Amino acid sequence: MLNKNFLTIRNAAFVVLFIALAVVADHISVAKLWGNPGQTFTLFQILGPLPGFFLGPVVGIAAVLVSELINFVLLQKTADPITLLRLLPMLGGAYYFAMHGKKHPVF
């Protein structure tokens, strides 16, 4: 699950690249959410679980959390329950991809 070389130069570069793309992707609205005005489904919610596949559960989930924290600061989002609940599927997806993604490799 977690080996001694879990944060190599390549993985660190991927984390930095993912965080930069996540900040941009959070500005790209894909669809409006019903029932809550002002909430949209962004490209970040689609790409959020990917670091788990490439980096493993610990670093992948950490990359998602750091990118969401940066998005909260940059976009000045409020920490309402809906916004926090929308983070859980990305974290769960990152964990699932990390644990089960390598069994059926895509690349």
PDB file of N, CA and C in Angstrom:
ATOM      1  N   MET A   1       0.823  -1.192   0.000  1.00  0.00           N
ATOM      2  CA  MET A   1       0.000   0.000   0.000  1.00  0.00           C
ATOM      3  C   MET A   1       0.864   1.252   0.000  1.00  0.00           C
ATOM      4  N   LEU A   2       1.788   1.351   0.925  1.00  0.00           N
ATOM      5  CA  LEU A   2       2.647   2.521   1.003  1.00  0.00           C
ATOM      6  C   LEU A   2       4.092   2.034   1.059  1.00  0.00           C
ATOM      7  N   ASN A   3       4.834   2.231  -0.022  1.00  0.00           N
ATOM      8  CA  ASN A   3       6.220   1.796  -0.012  1.00  0.00           C
ATOM      9  C   ASN A   3       7.124   2.943   0.403  1.00  0.00           C
ATOM     10  N   LYS A   4       8.422   2.633   0.564  1.00  0.00           N
ATOM     11  CA  LYS A   4       9.335   3.653   1.083  1.00  0.00           C
ATOM     12  C   LYS A   4       9.639   4.753   0.065  1.00  0.00           C
ATOM     13  N   ASN A   5       9.376   4.529  -1.204  1.00  0.00           N
ATOM     14  CA  ASN A   5       9.620   5.547  -2.236  1.00  0.00           C
ATOM     15  C   ASN A   5       8.309   6.150  -2.728  1.00  0.00           C
ATOM     16  N   PHE A   6       7.373   6.410  -1.818  1.00  0.00           N
ATOM     17  CA  PHE A   6       6.050   6.840  -2.260  1.00  0.00           C
ATOM     18  C   PHE A   6       6.037   8.256  -2.801  1.00  0.00           C
ATOM     19  N   LEU A   7       7.006   9.097  -2.455  1.00  0.00           N
ATOM     20  CA  LEU A   7       7.026  10.455  -3.000  1.00  0.00           C
ATOM     21  C   LEU A   7       8.356  10.680  -3.716  1.00  0.00           C
ATOM     22  N   THR A   8       8.417  10.202  -4.937  1.00  0.00           N
ATOM     23  CA  THR A   8       9.591  10.392  -5.765  1.00  0.00           C
ATOM     24  C   THR A   8       9.486  11.748  -6.472  1.00  0.00           C
ATOM     25  N   ILE A   9      10.528  12.091  -7.204  1.00  0.00           N
ATOM     26  CA  ILE A   9      10.523  13.345  -7.969  1.00  0.00           C
ATOM     27  C   ILE A   9       9.383  13.320  -8.993  1.00  0.00           C
ATOM     28  N   ARG A  10       9.186  12.184  -9.622  1.00  0.00           N
ATOM     29  CA  ARG A  10       8.126  12.060 -10.620  1.00  0.00           C
ATOM     30  C   ARG A  10       6.748  12.241  -9.975  1.00  0.00           C
ATOM     31  N   ASN A  11       6.539  11.609  -8.824  1.00  0.00           N
ATOM     32  CA  ASN A  11       5.263  11.741  -8.127  1.00  0.00           C
ATOM     33  C   ASN A  11       5.049  13.165  -7.629  1.00  0.00           C
ATOM     34  N   ALA A  12       6.106  13.801  -7.135  1.00  0.00           N
ATOM     35  CA  ALA A  12       5.989  15.187  -6.668  1.00  0.00           C
ATOM     36  C   ALA A  12       5.639  16.104  -7.830  1.00  0.00           C
ATOM     37  N   ALA A  13       6.234  15.864  -9.001  1.00  0.00           N
ATOM     38  CA  ALA A  13       5.907  16.666 -10.179  1.00  0.00           C
ATOM     39  C   ALA A  13       4.453  16.450 -10.585  1.00  0.00           C
ATOM     40  N   PHE A  14       3.969  15.213 -10.479  1.00  0.00           N
ATOM     41  CA  PHE A  14       2.565  14.938 -10.803  1.00  0.00           C
ATOM     42  C   PHE A  14       1.634  15.641  -9.833  1.00  0.00           C
ATOM     43  N   VAL A  15       1.979  15.649  -8.551  1.00  0.00           N
ATOM     44  CA  VAL A  15       1.146  16.325  -7.546  1.00  0.00           C
ATOM     45  C   VAL A  15       1.067  17.817  -7.850  1.00  0.00           C
ATOM     46  N   VAL A  16       2.193  18.435  -8.143  1.00  0.00           N
ATOM     47  CA  VAL A  16       2.211  19.870  -8.454  1.00  0.00           C
ATOM     48  C   VAL A  16       1.410  20.146  -9.725  1.00  0.00           C
ATOM     49  N   LEU A  17       1.587  19.306 -10.746  1.00  0.00           N
ATOM     50  CA  LEU A  17       0.832  19.476 -11.992  1.00  0.00           C
ATOM     51  C   LEU A  17      -0.659  19.273 -11.752  1.00  0.00           C
ATOM     52  N   PHE A  18      -1.023  18.269 -10.950  1.00  0.00           N
ATOM     53  CA  PHE A  18      -2.441  18.034 -10.663  1.00  0.00           C
ATOM     54  C   PHE A  18      -3.052  19.213  -9.919  1.00  0.00           C
ATOM     55  N   ILE A  19      -2.335  19.753  -8.940  1.00  0.00           N
ATOM     56  CA  ILE A  19      -2.868  20.882  -8.175  1.00  0.00           C
ATOM     57  C   ILE A  19      -3.083  22.087  -9.087  1.00  0.00           C
ATOM     58  N   ALA A  20      -2.132  22.335  -9.982  1.00  0.00           N
ATOM     59  CA  ALA A  20      -2.289  23.453 -10.920  1.00  0.00           C
ATOM     60  C   ALA A  20      -3.486  23.223 -11.844  1.00  0.00           C
ATOM     61  N   LEU A  21      -3.638  21.999 -12.357  1.00  0.00           N
ATOM     62  CA  LEU A  21      -4.778  21.702 -13.224  1.00  0.00           C
ATOM     63  C   LEU A  21      -6.091  21.730 -12.454  1.00  0.00           C
ATOM     64  N   ALA A  22      -6.066  21.332 -11.190  1.00  0.00           N
ATOM     65  CA  ALA A  22      -7.281  21.333 -10.376  1.00  0.00           C
ATOM     66  C   ALA A  22      -7.773  22.753 -10.133  1.00  0.00           C
ATOM     67  N   VAL A  23      -6.854  23.670  -9.935  1.00  0.00           N
ATOM     68  CA  VAL A  23      -7.245  25.070  -9.728  1.00  0.00           C
ATOM     69  C   VAL A  23      -7.914  25.610 -10.991  1.00  0.00           C
ATOM     70  N   VAL A  24      -7.371  25.263 -12.147  1.00  0.00           N
ATOM     71  CA  VAL A  24      -7.972  25.702 -13.407  1.00  0.00           C
ATOM     72  C   VAL A  24      -9.293  24.969 -13.647  1.00  0.00           C
ATOM     73  N   ALA A  25      -9.319  23.653 -13.387  1.00  0.00           N
ATOM     74  CA  ALA A  25     -10.514  22.850 -13.655  1.00  0.00           C
ATOM     75  C   ALA A  25     -11.680  23.236 -12.761  1.00  0.00           C
ATOM     76  N   ASP A  26     -11.405  23.797 -11.597  1.00  0.00           N
ATOM     77  CA  ASP A  26     -12.487  24.207 -10.717  1.00  0.00           C
ATOM     78  C   ASP A  26     -13.217  25.441 -11.239  1.00  0.00           C
ATOM     79  N   HIS A  27     -12.633  26.105 -12.210  1.00  0.00           N
ATOM     80  CA  HIS A  27     -13.277  27.268 -12.830  1.00  0.00           C
ATOM     81  C   HIS A  27     -14.128  26.873 -14.035  1.00  0.00           C
ATOM     82  N   ILE A  28     -14.025  25.622 -14.492  1.00  0.00           N
ATOM     83  CA  ILE A  28     -14.742  25.175 -15.683  1.00  0.00           C
ATOM     84  C   ILE A  28     -16.001  24.441 -15.252  1.00  0.00           C
ATOM     85  N   SER A  29     -17.130  25.060 -15.464  1.00  0.00           N
ATOM     86  CA  SER A  29     -18.412  24.488 -15.065  1.00  0.00           C
ATOM     87  C   SER A  29     -18.889  23.508 -16.121  1.00  0.00           C
ATOM     88  N   VAL A  30     -19.280  22.324 -15.680  1.00  0.00           N
ATOM     89  CA  VAL A  30     -19.791  21.307 -16.589  1.00  0.00           C
ATOM     90  C   VAL A  30     -21.316  21.305 -16.579  1.00  0.00           C
ATOM     91  N   ALA A  31     -21.910  21.401 -15.383  1.00  0.00           N
ATOM     92  CA  ALA A  31     -23.372  21.392 -15.274  1.00  0.00           C
ATOM     93  C   ALA A  31     -23.784  22.087 -13.982  1.00  0.00           C
ATOM     94  N   LYS A  32     -24.983  22.648 -13.992  1.00  0.00           N
ATOM     95  CA  LYS A  32     -25.528  23.239 -12.775  1.00  0.00           C
ATOM     96  C   LYS A  32     -26.156  22.143 -11.930  1.00  0.00           C
ATOM     97  N   LEU A  33     -26.049  22.276 -10.610  1.00  0.00           N
ATOM     98  CA  LEU A  33     -26.663  21.313  -9.705  1.00  0.00           C
ATOM     99  C   LEU A  33     -28.068  21.763  -9.373  1.00  0.00           C
ATOM    100  N   TRP A  34     -28.984  20.832  -9.366  1.00  0.00           N
ATOM    101  CA  TRP A  34     -30.363  21.153  -9.032  1.00  0.00           C
ATOM    102  C   TRP A  34     -30.512  21.353  -7.537  1.00  0.00           C
ATOM    103  N   GLY A  35     -31.378  22.246  -7.157  1.00  0.00           N
ATOM    104  CA  GLY A  35     -31.728  22.414  -5.759  1.00  0.00           C
ATOM    105  C   GLY A  35     -30.855  23.371  -4.977  1.00  0.00           C
ATOM    106  N   ASN A  36     -29.757  23.792  -5.522  1.00  0.00           N
ATOM    107  CA  ASN A  36     -28.887  24.710  -4.807  1.00  0.00           C
ATOM    108  C   ASN A  36     -28.330  25.729  -5.791  1.00  0.00           C
ATOM    109  N   PRO A  37     -28.903  26.913  -5.829  1.00  0.00           N
ATOM    110  CA  PRO A  37     -28.423  27.917  -6.782  1.00  0.00           C
ATOM    111  C   PRO A  37     -26.981  28.315  -6.473  1.00  0.00           C
ATOM    112  N   GLY A  38     -26.227  28.515  -7.511  1.00  0.00           N
ATOM    113  CA  GLY A  38     -24.838  28.913  -7.355  1.00  0.00           C
ATOM    114  C   GLY A  38     -23.877  27.746  -7.287  1.00  0.00           C
ATOM    115  N   GLN A  39     -24.363  26.527  -7.168  1.00  0.00           N
ATOM    116  CA  GLN A  39     -23.509  25.349  -7.135  1.00  0.00           C
ATOM    117  C   GLN A  39     -23.465  24.730  -8.532  1.00  0.00           C
ATOM    118  N   THR A  40     -22.273  24.423  -8.985  1.00  0.00           N
ATOM    119  CA  THR A  40     -22.111  23.781 -10.282  1.00  0.00           C
ATOM    120  C   THR A  40     -21.204  22.566 -10.143  1.00  0.00           C
ATOM    121  N   PHE A  41     -21.365  21.632 -11.056  1.00  0.00           N
ATOM    122  CA  PHE A  41     -20.481  20.473 -11.153  1.00  0.00           C
ATOM    123  C   PHE A  41     -19.351  20.886 -12.069  1.00  0.00           C
ATOM    124  N   THR A  42     -18.129  20.857 -11.569  1.00  0.00           N
ATOM    125  CA  THR A  42     -17.001  21.357 -12.336  1.00  0.00           C
ATOM    126  C   THR A  42     -16.145  20.213 -12.862  1.00  0.00           C
ATOM    127  N   LEU A  43     -15.242  20.564 -13.723  1.00  0.00           N
ATOM    128  CA  LEU A  43     -14.298  19.600 -14.271  1.00  0.00           C
ATOM    129  C   LEU A  43     -13.406  19.009 -13.174  1.00  0.00           C
ATOM    130  N   PHE A  44     -13.220  19.745 -12.107  1.00  0.00           N
ATOM    131  CA  PHE A  44     -12.420  19.254 -10.984  1.00  0.00           C
ATOM    132  C   PHE A  44     -13.059  18.022 -10.344  1.00  0.00           C
ATOM    133  N   GLN A  45     -14.380  17.967 -10.269  1.00  0.00           N
ATOM    134  CA  GLN A  45     -15.040  16.799  -9.699  1.00  0.00           C
ATOM    135  C   GLN A  45     -14.863  15.571 -10.586  1.00  0.00           C
ATOM    136  N   ILE A  46     -14.680  15.763 -11.875  1.00  0.00           N
ATOM    137  CA  ILE A  46     -14.451  14.647 -12.787  1.00  0.00           C
ATOM    138  C   ILE A  46     -13.012  14.141 -12.663  1.00  0.00           C
ATOM    139  N   LEU A  47     -12.056  15.063 -12.596  1.00  0.00           N
ATOM    140  CA  LEU A  47     -10.644  14.688 -12.566  1.00  0.00           C
ATOM    141  C   LEU A  47     -10.115  14.391 -11.160  1.00  0.00           C
ATOM    142  N   GLY A  48     -10.890  14.684 -10.129  1.00  0.00           N
ATOM    143  CA  GLY A  48     -10.440  14.553  -8.748  1.00  0.00           C
ATOM    144  C   GLY A  48      -9.892  13.203  -8.342  1.00  0.00           C
ATOM    145  N   PRO A  49     -10.501  12.080  -8.729  1.00  0.00           N
ATOM    146  CA  PRO A  49      -9.992  10.782  -8.280  1.00  0.00           C
ATOM    147  C   PRO A  49      -8.718  10.296  -8.976  1.00  0.00           C
ATOM    148  N   LEU A  50      -8.287  10.929 -10.043  1.00  0.00           N
ATOM    149  CA  LEU A  50      -7.145  10.432 -10.807  1.00  0.00           C
ATOM    150  C   LEU A  50      -5.834  10.303 -10.035  1.00  0.00           C
ATOM    151  N   PRO A  51      -5.489  11.214  -9.126  1.00  0.00           N
ATOM    152  CA  PRO A  51      -4.224  11.034  -8.413  1.00  0.00           C
ATOM    153  C   PRO A  51      -4.154   9.729  -7.620  1.00  0.00           C
ATOM    154  N   GLY A  52      -5.286   9.239  -7.165  1.00  0.00           N
ATOM    155  CA  GLY A  52      -5.289   7.966  -6.455  1.00  0.00           C
ATOM    156  C   GLY A  52      -4.799   6.832  -7.335  1.00  0.00           C
ATOM    157  N   PHE A  53      -5.176   6.846  -8.595  1.00  0.00           N
ATOM    158  CA  PHE A  53      -4.752   5.809  -9.531  1.00  0.00           C
ATOM    159  C   PHE A  53      -3.247   5.845  -9.752  1.00  0.00           C
ATOM    160  N   PHE A  54      -2.707   7.035  -9.911  1.00  0.00           N
ATOM    161  CA  PHE A  54      -1.291   7.166 -10.248  1.00  0.00           C
ATOM    162  C   PHE A  54      -0.373   7.192  -9.031  1.00  0.00           C
ATOM    163  N   LEU A  55      -0.841   7.696  -7.901  1.00  0.00           N
ATOM    164  CA  LEU A  55       0.043   7.934  -6.763  1.00  0.00           C
ATOM    165  C   LEU A  55      -0.221   7.047  -5.555  1.00  0.00           C
ATOM    166  N   GLY A  56      -1.323   6.341  -5.537  1.00  0.00           N
ATOM    167  CA  GLY A  56      -1.657   5.530  -4.378  1.00  0.00           C
ATOM    168  C   GLY A  56      -2.618   6.265  -3.464  1.00  0.00           C
ATOM    169  N   PRO A  57      -3.108   5.566  -2.433  1.00  0.00           N
ATOM    170  CA  PRO A  57      -4.167   6.152  -1.612  1.00  0.00           C
ATOM    171  C   PRO A  57      -3.734   7.343  -0.779  1.00  0.00           C
ATOM    172  N   VAL A  58      -2.587   7.292  -0.152  1.00  0.00           N
ATOM    173  CA  VAL A  58      -2.182   8.364   0.767  1.00  0.00           C
ATOM    174  C   VAL A  58      -1.847   9.639   0.009  1.00  0.00           C
ATOM    175  N   VAL A  59      -0.965   9.553  -0.953  1.00  0.00           N
ATOM    176  CA  VAL A  59      -0.539  10.743  -1.696  1.00  0.00           C
ATOM    177  C   VAL A  59      -1.666  11.228  -2.606  1.00  0.00           C
ATOM    178  N   GLY A  60      -2.451  10.313  -3.163  1.00  0.00           N
ATOM    179  CA  GLY A  60      -3.560  10.701  -4.029  1.00  0.00           C
ATOM    180  C   GLY A  60      -4.626  11.482  -3.286  1.00  0.00           C
ATOM    181  N   ILE A  61      -5.016  10.990  -2.109  1.00  0.00           N
ATOM    182  CA  ILE A  61      -6.019  11.701  -1.309  1.00  0.00           C
ATOM    183  C   ILE A  61      -5.453  13.026  -0.812  1.00  0.00           C
ATOM    184  N   ALA A  62      -4.175  13.034  -0.443  1.00  0.00           N
ATOM    185  CA  ALA A  62      -3.547  14.284   0.007  1.00  0.00           C
ATOM    186  C   ALA A  62      -3.527  15.316  -1.121  1.00  0.00           C
ATOM    187  N   ALA A  63      -3.265  14.877  -2.352  1.00  0.00           N
ATOM    188  CA  ALA A  63      -3.253  15.801  -3.490  1.00  0.00           C
ATOM    189  C   ALA A  63      -4.637  16.401  -3.715  1.00  0.00           C
ATOM    190  N   VAL A  64      -5.685  15.593  -3.578  1.00  0.00           N
ATOM    191  CA  VAL A  64      -7.051  16.098  -3.734  1.00  0.00           C
ATOM    192  C   VAL A  64      -7.378  17.096  -2.628  1.00  0.00           C
ATOM    193  N   LEU A  65      -7.008  16.768  -1.395  1.00  0.00           N
ATOM    194  CA  LEU A  65      -7.293  17.671  -0.276  1.00  0.00           C
ATOM    195  C   LEU A  65      -6.548  18.996  -0.407  1.00  0.00           C
ATOM    196  N   VAL A  66      -5.277  18.939  -0.789  1.00  0.00           N
ATOM    197  CA  VAL A  66      -4.495  20.177  -0.938  1.00  0.00           C
ATOM    198  C   VAL A  66      -5.055  21.024  -2.068  1.00  0.00           C
ATOM    199  N   SER A  67      -5.408  20.402  -3.175  1.00  0.00           N
ATOM    200  CA  SER A  67      -5.958  21.181  -4.287  1.00  0.00           C
ATOM    201  C   SER A  67      -7.303  21.794  -3.911  1.00  0.00           C
ATOM    202  N   GLU A  68      -8.121  21.070  -3.153  1.00  0.00           N
ATOM    203  CA  GLU A  68      -9.404  21.635  -2.718  1.00  0.00           C
ATOM    204  C   GLU A  68      -9.180  22.774  -1.725  1.00  0.00           C
ATOM    205  N   LEU A  69      -8.207  22.643  -0.859  1.00  0.00           N
ATOM    206  CA  LEU A  69      -7.888  23.711   0.090  1.00  0.00           C
ATOM    207  C   LEU A  69      -7.417  24.959  -0.647  1.00  0.00           C
ATOM    208  N   ILE A  70      -6.589  24.786  -1.654  1.00  0.00           N
ATOM    209  CA  ILE A  70      -6.136  25.928  -2.450  1.00  0.00           C
ATOM    210  C   ILE A  70      -7.314  26.557  -3.186  1.00  0.00           C
ATOM    211  N   ASN A  71      -8.221  25.726  -3.709  1.00  0.00           N
ATOM    212  CA  ASN A  71      -9.410  26.260  -4.370  1.00  0.00           C
ATOM    213  C   ASN A  71     -10.292  27.027  -3.402  1.00  0.00           C
ATOM    214  N   PHE A  72     -10.409  26.551  -2.163  1.00  0.00           N
ATOM    215  CA  PHE A  72     -11.190  27.279  -1.155  1.00  0.00           C
ATOM    216  C   PHE A  72     -10.599  28.662  -0.912  1.00  0.00           C
ATOM    217  N   VAL A  73      -9.284  28.738  -0.835  1.00  0.00           N
ATOM    218  CA  VAL A  73      -8.623  30.015  -0.564  1.00  0.00           C
ATOM    219  C   VAL A  73      -8.714  30.936  -1.777  1.00  0.00           C
ATOM    220  N   LEU A  74      -8.400  30.418  -2.963  1.00  0.00           N
ATOM    221  CA  LEU A  74      -8.390  31.261  -4.154  1.00  0.00           C
ATOM    222  C   LEU A  74      -9.787  31.712  -4.573  1.00  0.00           C
ATOM    223  N   LEU A  75     -10.750  30.807  -4.512  1.00  0.00           N
ATOM    224  CA  LEU A  75     -12.096  31.141  -4.954  1.00  0.00           C
ATOM    225  C   LEU A  75     -12.961  31.692  -3.835  1.00  0.00           C
ATOM    226  N   GLN A  76     -12.427  31.728  -2.628  1.00  0.00           N
ATOM    227  CA  GLN A  76     -13.125  32.215  -1.440  1.00  0.00           C
ATOM    228  C   GLN A  76     -14.480  31.524  -1.279  1.00  0.00           C
ATOM    229  N   LYS A  77     -14.444  30.189  -1.369  1.00  0.00           N
ATOM    230  CA  LYS A  77     -15.657  29.394  -1.184  1.00  0.00           C
ATOM    231  C   LYS A  77     -16.030  29.359   0.284  1.00  0.00           C
ATOM    232  N   THR A  78     -17.303  29.189   0.538  1.00  0.00           N
ATOM    233  CA  THR A  78     -17.749  28.990   1.914  1.00  0.00           C
ATOM    234  C   THR A  78     -17.752  27.488   2.208  1.00  0.00           C
ATOM    235  N   ALA A  79     -17.493  27.142   3.439  1.00  0.00           N
ATOM    236  CA  ALA A  79     -17.435  25.733   3.836  1.00  0.00           C
ATOM    237  C   ALA A  79     -18.818  25.268   4.291  1.00  0.00           C
ATOM    238  N   ASP A  80     -19.786  25.379   3.398  1.00  0.00           N
ATOM    239  CA  ASP A  80     -21.127  24.911   3.735  1.00  0.00           C
ATOM    240  C   ASP A  80     -21.196  23.386   3.572  1.00  0.00           C
ATOM    241  N   PRO A  81     -22.213  22.747   4.139  1.00  0.00           N
ATOM    242  CA  PRO A  81     -22.289  21.283   4.098  1.00  0.00           C
ATOM    243  C   PRO A  81     -22.330  20.701   2.684  1.00  0.00           C
ATOM    244  N   ILE A  82     -22.982  21.370   1.753  1.00  0.00           N
ATOM    245  CA  ILE A  82     -23.062  20.857   0.379  1.00  0.00           C
ATOM    246  C   ILE A  82     -21.680  20.810  -0.255  1.00  0.00           C
ATOM    247  N   THR A  83     -20.901  21.850  -0.084  1.00  0.00           N
ATOM    248  CA  THR A  83     -19.558  21.895  -0.653  1.00  0.00           C
ATOM    249  C   THR A  83     -18.681  20.821  -0.034  1.00  0.00           C
ATOM    250  N   LEU A  84     -18.788  20.641   1.265  1.00  0.00           N
ATOM    251  CA  LEU A  84     -17.987  19.606   1.922  1.00  0.00           C
ATOM    252  C   LEU A  84     -18.444  18.208   1.521  1.00  0.00           C
ATOM    253  N   LEU A  85     -19.747  18.014   1.338  1.00  0.00           N
ATOM    254  CA  LEU A  85     -20.245  16.703   0.897  1.00  0.00           C
ATOM    255  C   LEU A  85     -19.814  16.379  -0.525  1.00  0.00           C
ATOM    256  N   ARG A  86     -19.642  17.400  -1.346  1.00  0.00           N
ATOM    257  CA  ARG A  86     -19.184  17.162  -2.719  1.00  0.00           C
ATOM    258  C   ARG A  86     -17.725  16.755  -2.764  1.00  0.00           C
ATOM    259  N   LEU A  87     -16.978  16.979  -1.698  1.00  0.00           N
ATOM    260  CA  LEU A  87     -15.583  16.559  -1.638  1.00  0.00           C
ATOM    261  C   LEU A  87     -15.456  15.062  -1.353  1.00  0.00           C
ATOM    262  N   LEU A  88     -16.392  14.499  -0.608  1.00  0.00           N
ATOM    263  CA  LEU A  88     -16.310  13.093  -0.213  1.00  0.00           C
ATOM    264  C   LEU A  88     -16.266  12.107  -1.383  1.00  0.00           C
ATOM    265  N   PRO A  89     -17.073  12.265  -2.433  1.00  0.00           N
ATOM    266  CA  PRO A  89     -16.961  11.319  -3.549  1.00  0.00           C
ATOM    267  C   PRO A  89     -15.609  11.358  -4.244  1.00  0.00           C
ATOM    268  N   MET A  90     -14.993  12.530  -4.307  1.00  0.00           N
ATOM    269  CA  MET A  90     -13.655  12.598  -4.919  1.00  0.00           C
ATOM    270  C   MET A  90     -12.630  11.862  -4.074  1.00  0.00           C
ATOM    271  N   LEU A  91     -12.713  12.019  -2.753  1.00  0.00           N
ATOM    272  CA  LEU A  91     -11.791  11.309  -1.868  1.00  0.00           C
ATOM    273  C   LEU A  91     -12.033   9.803  -1.941  1.00  0.00           C
ATOM    274  N   GLY A  92     -13.304   9.413  -1.934  1.00  0.00           N
ATOM    275  CA  GLY A  92     -13.628   7.996  -2.075  1.00  0.00           C
ATOM    276  C   GLY A  92     -13.197   7.436  -3.422  1.00  0.00           C
ATOM    277  N   GLY A  93     -13.372   8.220  -4.465  1.00  0.00           N
ATOM    278  CA  GLY A  93     -12.930   7.800  -5.791  1.00  0.00           C
ATOM    279  C   GLY A  93     -11.425   7.663  -5.877  1.00  0.00           C
ATOM    280  N   ALA A  94     -10.702   8.583  -5.267  1.00  0.00           N
ATOM    281  CA  ALA A  94      -9.236   8.490  -5.252  1.00  0.00           C
ATOM    282  C   ALA A  94      -8.792   7.232  -4.516  1.00  0.00           C
ATOM    283  N   TYR A  95      -9.444   6.936  -3.394  1.00  0.00           N
ATOM    284  CA  TYR A  95      -9.113   5.727  -2.646  1.00  0.00           C
ATOM    285  C   TYR A  95      -9.451   4.475  -3.456  1.00  0.00           C
ATOM    286  N   TYR A  96     -10.615   4.457  -4.079  1.00  0.00           N
ATOM    287  CA  TYR A  96     -11.023   3.299  -4.869  1.00  0.00           C
ATOM    288  C   TYR A  96     -10.079   3.081  -6.046  1.00  0.00           C
ATOM    289  N   PHE A  97      -9.750   4.149  -6.767  1.00  0.00           N
ATOM    290  CA  PHE A  97      -8.834   4.017  -7.900  1.00  0.00           C
ATOM    291  C   PHE A  97      -7.471   3.521  -7.444  1.00  0.00           C
ATOM    292  N   ALA A  98      -7.026   3.971  -6.273  1.00  0.00           N
ATOM    293  CA  ALA A  98      -5.727   3.542  -5.768  1.00  0.00           C
ATOM    294  C   ALA A  98      -5.729   2.060  -5.421  1.00  0.00           C
ATOM    295  N   MET A  99      -6.821   1.585  -4.842  1.00  0.00           N
ATOM    296  CA  MET A  99      -6.867   0.208  -4.386  1.00  0.00           C
ATOM    297  C   MET A  99      -7.247  -0.784  -5.492  1.00  0.00           C
ATOM    298  N   HIS A 100      -8.048  -0.358  -6.452  1.00  0.00           N
ATOM    299  CA  HIS A 100      -8.563  -1.289  -7.447  1.00  0.00           C
ATOM    300  C   HIS A 100      -8.173  -0.942  -8.885  1.00  0.00           C
ATOM    301  N   GLY A 101      -7.584   0.209  -9.118  1.00  0.00           N
ATOM    302  CA  GLY A 101      -7.274   0.628 -10.469  1.00  0.00           C
ATOM    303  C   GLY A 101      -6.153  -0.139 -11.123  1.00  0.00           C
ATOM    304  N   LYS A 102      -5.176  -0.584 -10.359  1.00  0.00           N
ATOM    305  CA  LYS A 102      -4.029  -1.284 -10.920  1.00  0.00           C
ATOM    306  C   LYS A 102      -4.360  -2.724 -11.315  1.00  0.00           C
ATOM    307  N   LYS A 103      -5.475  -3.255 -10.809  1.00  0.00           N
ATOM    308  CA  LYS A 103      -5.870  -4.620 -11.165  1.00  0.00           C
ATOM    309  C   LYS A 103      -6.332  -4.683 -12.613  1.00  0.00           C
ATOM    310  N   HIS A 104      -6.880  -3.600 -13.116  1.00  0.00           N
ATOM    311  CA  HIS A 104      -7.357  -3.526 -14.482  1.00  0.00           C
ATOM    312  C   HIS A 104      -6.707  -2.316 -15.138  1.00  0.00           C
ATOM    313  N   PRO A 105      -5.403  -2.412 -15.464  1.00  0.00           N
ATOM    314  CA  PRO A 105      -4.695  -1.227 -15.954  1.00  0.00           C
ATOM    315  C   PRO A 105      -5.246  -0.722 -17.290  1.00  0.00           C
ATOM    316  N   VAL A 106      -5.315   0.571 -17.376  1.00  0.00           N
ATOM    317  CA  VAL A 106      -5.780   1.219 -18.583  1.00  0.00           C
ATOM    318  C   VAL A 106      -4.603   1.526 -19.484  1.00  0.00           C
ATOM    319  N   PHE A 107      -3.483   1.876 -18.888  1.00  0.00           N
ATOM    320  CA  PHE A 107      -2.308   2.291 -19.661  1.00  0.00           C
ATOM    321  C   PHE A 107      -1.316   1.170 -19.782  1.00  0.00           C
TER     322      PHE A 107
END
